[in-house]
Amino acid sequence: LWLRRFQGESLLLAECRGLLRGLGELLRGLGSCELRLQHLDLCAAQLSKLEAPTLCRFLRSCQLETLNLAFNERLMSCEALEGMVDALQGESCGVSELVLKHCNIQGKAGE
């Protein structure tokens, strides 16, 4: 409900430990609203690879300029990164800055 009235350009959800349970609903709400959201900060939100599909669907439906996923090491599996790359390369995705600081991307995931 509050998302329908949200008029900001930035949404900071950094270090929201309880976010995991509601991430799907939150991102679906953000993706379905007529928002002018430009910056989404999910730094240290303890996201895991289980949230990757929801995050990828959101990226395909939004016009963010900046997405901060720093300090979300558990999100960085090969499958999750492949999905994010596909979503970021989509025509409807407008992300120009992706922050992956301290995400520990190694091995096949970093290729």
Foldseek 3Di string as FASTA:
>chain_A
DVLQVDADQEDEPEQVQPCVVVVLVVLVSNLPHPYNHAYYEHANNQDACVCLVSVLVSQQRDAHQEYEHEPNQRNQDQVSLVSNVVSCPDPRGNHNYYHHHNNPHDDPSVD
